[in-house]
């Protein structure tokens, strides 16, 4: 085989390898986008480039796979659902306390499911692997809760926080949200209501 043929074969091999790597990269990127949704774009934007962001997302997958996640017992699931109903009713008379308790309830629920305790940032990162679609709402609700504890949140912000917390609670319990938190007395229009699944404990 001549040297020219060897050079041509080497070039063809390089091209094939490059194409394979490109296709593999595209497939991995597509998989990350599908799994993380809008969280993919947020992480990429906050990282030093796309590769760094995708590395962070794959690292989240790795840390998530090391967790020992568990199902709630029927009794525990019912207790969380009942407590959530109490919080929604409590909102009318004490929205500040209701939001604080909702934030605490979500934290306990997350930890009982097996996510890392005591570290909000790490919990969010781990949740993004399975629950990326509700993560933006959870972040907003938690930020409002922090503002509430400083005495800076408006009543409408508090109501929005409970709506956001409700979405995550429903997702973690595997239920459809049954009702939005009560509006303030004297408000003209009632909150929207989502129809629950029949035969399940409703949030």
Protein backbone atom coordinates (compact mmCIF):
# COMPACT_ATOMS: atom_id res chain seq x y z
CA UNK A 1 0.00 0.00 0.00
CA UNK A 2 1.43 3.33 -1.02
CA UNK A 3 2.06 6.22 1.31
CA UNK A 4 -0.67 8.20 -0.50
CA UNK A 5 -3.23 5.51 0.22
CA UNK A 6 -2.17 5.40 3.86
CA UNK A 7 -2.62 9.16 4.15
CA UNK A 8 -6.06 8.95 2.54
CA UNK A 9 -7.10 6.15 4.88
CA UNK A 10 -5.86 8.11 7.88
CA UNK A 11 -7.84 11.16 6.78
CA UNK A 12 -10.98 9.09 6.24
CA UNK A 13 -10.54 7.47 9.66
CA UNK A 14 -10.14 10.86 11.31
CA UNK A 15 -13.30 12.12 9.60
CA UNK A 16 -15.27 9.05 10.70
CA UNK A 17 -14.10 9.41 14.28
CA UNK A 18 -14.94 13.11 14.27
CA UNK A 19 -18.43 12.36 12.89
CA UNK A 20 -18.99 9.68 15.51
CA UNK A 21 -17.89 11.99 18.31
CA UNK A 22 -20.11 14.74 16.93
CA UNK A 23 -23.13 12.44 16.76
CA UNK A 24 -22.43 11.13 20.28
CA UNK A 25 -22.18 14.70 21.61
CA UNK A 26 -25.44 15.69 19.93
CA UNK A 27 -27.24 12.66 21.37
CA UNK A 28 -25.94 13.34 24.88
CA UNK A 29 -26.92 16.99 24.60
CA UNK A 30 -30.38 16.06 23.35
CA UNK A 31 -30.79 13.64 26.24
CA UNK A 32 -29.82 16.32 28.77
CA UNK A 33 -32.20 18.82 27.21
CA UNK A 34 -35.03 16.31 27.32
CA UNK A 35 -34.41 15.39 30.94
CA UNK A 36 -33.72 18.83 32.38
CA UNK A 37 -35.90 21.05 30.18
CA UNK A 38 -35.62 24.74 31.07
CA UNK A 39 -33.14 23.81 33.81
CA UNK A 40 -30.69 22.88 31.04
CA UNK A 41 -30.80 26.43 29.67
CA UNK A 42 -30.48 27.97 33.13
CA UNK A 43 -27.41 25.90 34.02
CA UNK A 44 -25.73 26.57 30.67
CA UNK A 45 -26.34 30.31 31.07
CA UNK A 46 -24.84 30.34 34.56
CA UNK A 47 -21.82 28.19 33.63
CA UNK A 48 -18.54 29.00 31.91
CA UNK A 49 -19.67 27.66 28.57
CA UNK A 50 -21.86 24.83 27.34
CA UNK A 51 -19.37 22.07 28.13
CA UNK A 52 -19.04 23.21 31.73
CA UNK A 53 -22.81 23.39 32.10
CA UNK A 54 -23.35 19.95 30.64
CA UNK A 55 -20.64 18.58 32.91
CA UNK A 56 -22.56 20.02 35.89
CA UNK A 57 -25.78 18.36 34.73
CA UNK A 58 -24.11 15.00 34.25
CA UNK A 59 -22.56 15.38 37.70
CA UNK A 60 -26.05 15.93 39.08
CA UNK A 61 -27.12 12.68 37.45
CA UNK A 62 -24.19 10.92 39.07
CA UNK A 63 -24.95 12.31 42.55
CA UNK A 64 -28.62 11.52 42.11
CA UNK A 65 -27.85 7.88 41.22
CA UNK A 66 -26.03 7.52 44.55
CA UNK A 67 -29.14 8.49 46.53
CA UNK A 68 -31.31 5.91 48.24
CA UNK A 69 -34.71 7.28 47.27
CA UNK A 70 -37.73 5.63 48.80
CA UNK A 71 -41.50 5.60 48.47
CA UNK A 72 -43.64 7.15 51.18
CA UNK A 73 -45.83 4.82 53.16
CA UNK A 74 -49.57 5.28 52.61
CA UNK A 75 -49.85 6.65 56.14
CA UNK A 76 -47.07 9.18 55.61
CA UNK A 77 -48.49 10.21 52.24
CA UNK A 78 -51.91 10.79 53.81
CA UNK A 79 -50.37 12.82 56.65
CA UNK A 80 -48.57 15.13 54.21
CA UNK A 81 -51.74 15.56 52.16
CA UNK A 82 -53.80 16.36 55.27
CA UNK A 83 -51.20 18.85 56.48
CA UNK A 84 -51.27 20.55 53.11
CA UNK A 85 -55.04 21.02 53.35
CA UNK A 86 -54.53 22.61 56.78
CA UNK A 87 -51.94 25.02 55.37
CA UNK A 88 -54.24 26.11 52.58
CA UNK A 89 -57.01 26.82 55.10
CA UNK A 90 -54.56 28.59 57.39
CA UNK A 91 -53.58 30.97 54.59
CA UNK A 92 -56.74 33.08 54.99
CA UNK A 93 -56.03 34.06 58.60
CA UNK A 94 -52.24 33.84 58.66
CA UNK A 95 -50.57 33.85 55.22
CA UNK A 96 -47.10 34.50 56.66
CA UNK A 97 -47.22 31.46 58.93
CA UNK A 98 -48.77 29.34 56.17
CA UNK A 99 -45.90 30.07 53.79
CA UNK A 100 -43.25 29.41 56.44
CA UNK A 101 -44.87 26.09 57.29
CA UNK A 102 -45.27 25.22 53.61
CA UNK A 103 -41.55 25.74 53.05
CA UNK A 104 -40.75 23.59 56.08
CA UNK A 105 -43.22 20.92 54.96
CA UNK A 106 -41.61 20.70 51.51
CA UNK A 107 -38.16 20.40 53.09
CA UNK A 108 -39.31 17.53 55.34
CA UNK A 109 -41.00 15.80 52.43
CA UNK A 110 -37.90 16.06 50.26
CA UNK A 111 -35.71 14.64 52.99
CA UNK A 112 -38.12 11.81 53.80
CA UNK A 113 -38.05 10.79 50.14
CA UNK A 114 -34.29 10.32 50.45
CA UNK A 115 -32.78 13.53 49.10
CA UNK A 116 -29.78 14.99 50.92
CA UNK A 117 -30.84 16.70 54.17
CA UNK A 118 -29.87 20.16 55.33
CA UNK A 119 -28.53 21.60 52.06
CA UNK A 120 -31.05 23.53 49.97
CA UNK A 121 -28.74 24.04 46.98
CA UNK A 122 -27.87 20.35 46.81
CA UNK A 123 -31.50 19.34 47.24
CA UNK A 124 -32.46 21.55 44.29
CA UNK A 125 -29.68 20.04 42.18
CA UNK A 126 -30.83 16.51 43.02
CA UNK A 127 -34.50 17.35 42.45
CA UNK A 128 -33.67 18.71 39.00
CA UNK A 129 -32.88 15.19 37.78
CA UNK A 130 -36.45 13.93 38.34
CA UNK A 131 -38.51 17.09 38.82
CA UNK A 132 -36.99 19.77 36.60
CA UNK A 133 -40.43 20.89 35.41
CA UNK A 134 -41.41 22.17 38.88
CA UNK A 135 -37.99 23.43 39.93
CA UNK A 136 -38.43 27.03 38.76
CA UNK A 137 -41.63 27.32 40.79
CA UNK A 138 -39.95 25.81 43.83
CA UNK A 139 -37.06 28.28 43.65
CA UNK A 140 -39.47 31.21 43.40
CA UNK A 141 -41.54 29.92 46.31
CA UNK A 142 -38.45 29.43 48.48
CA UNK A 143 -37.19 32.93 47.70
CA UNK A 144 -40.56 34.38 48.68
CA UNK A 145 -40.43 32.34 51.87
CA UNK A 146 -37.04 33.84 52.72
CA UNK A 147 -38.41 37.32 52.03
CA UNK A 148 -41.39 36.49 54.21
CA UNK A 149 -39.15 35.54 57.12
CA UNK A 150 -37.54 38.98 56.76
CA UNK A 151 -40.97 40.60 56.72
CA UNK A 152 -40.63 41.79 53.12
CA UNK A 153 -43.19 39.70 51.18
CA UNK A 154 -46.57 41.02 50.05
CA UNK A 155 -49.77 39.05 50.48
CA UNK A 156 -49.95 38.37 46.75
CA UNK A 157 -46.36 37.08 46.77
CA UNK A 158 -47.28 34.81 49.67
CA UNK A 159 -50.26 33.46 47.77
CA UNK A 160 -48.06 32.81 44.75
CA UNK A 161 -45.54 31.00 46.97
CA UNK A 162 -48.23 28.61 48.21
CA UNK A 163 -49.32 27.95 44.62
CA UNK A 164 -45.73 27.10 43.71
CA UNK A 165 -45.17 24.94 46.78
CA UNK A 166 -48.42 23.13 46.03
CA UNK A 167 -47.17 22.13 42.56
CA UNK A 168 -44.04 20.51 44.00
CA UNK A 169 -45.90 18.81 46.85
CA UNK A 170 -48.38 17.36 44.37
CA UNK A 171 -45.57 16.12 42.14
CA UNK A 172 -43.65 14.52 45.01
CA UNK A 173 -46.77 12.84 46.35
CA UNK A 174 -47.77 11.71 42.87
CA UNK A 175 -51.08 13.58 42.97
CA UNK A 176 -52.92 16.21 40.96
CA UNK A 177 -53.23 19.50 42.91
CA UNK A 178 -56.81 19.67 44.16
CA UNK A 179 -57.15 23.36 44.92
CA UNK A 180 -55.22 26.60 44.96
CA UNK A 181 -54.62 28.28 48.33
CA UNK A 182 -57.54 30.39 49.55
CA UNK A 183 -57.59 33.96 48.34
CA UNK A 184 -57.89 36.83 50.74
CA UNK A 185 -61.39 37.52 52.05
CA UNK A 186 -63.28 40.05 49.94
CA UNK A 187 -61.40 39.13 46.76
CA UNK A 188 -63.82 39.07 43.86
CA UNK A 189 -62.71 35.98 41.99
CA UNK A 190 -62.05 32.52 43.49
CA UNK A 191 -58.77 30.73 42.80
CA UNK A 192 -58.57 28.31 39.94
CA UNK A 193 -59.28 24.68 40.82
CA UNK A 194 -57.58 21.69 39.28
CA UNK A 195 -59.56 18.48 39.16
CA UNK A 196 -58.02 15.66 41.25
CA UNK A 197 -57.57 12.10 40.15
CA UNK A 198 -60.22 9.87 41.58
CA UNK A 199 -59.36 7.32 44.25
CA UNK A 200 -56.19 9.07 45.46
CA UNK A 201 -55.20 11.25 48.38
CA UNK A 202 -55.29 14.81 47.10
CA UNK A 203 -53.02 17.74 47.80
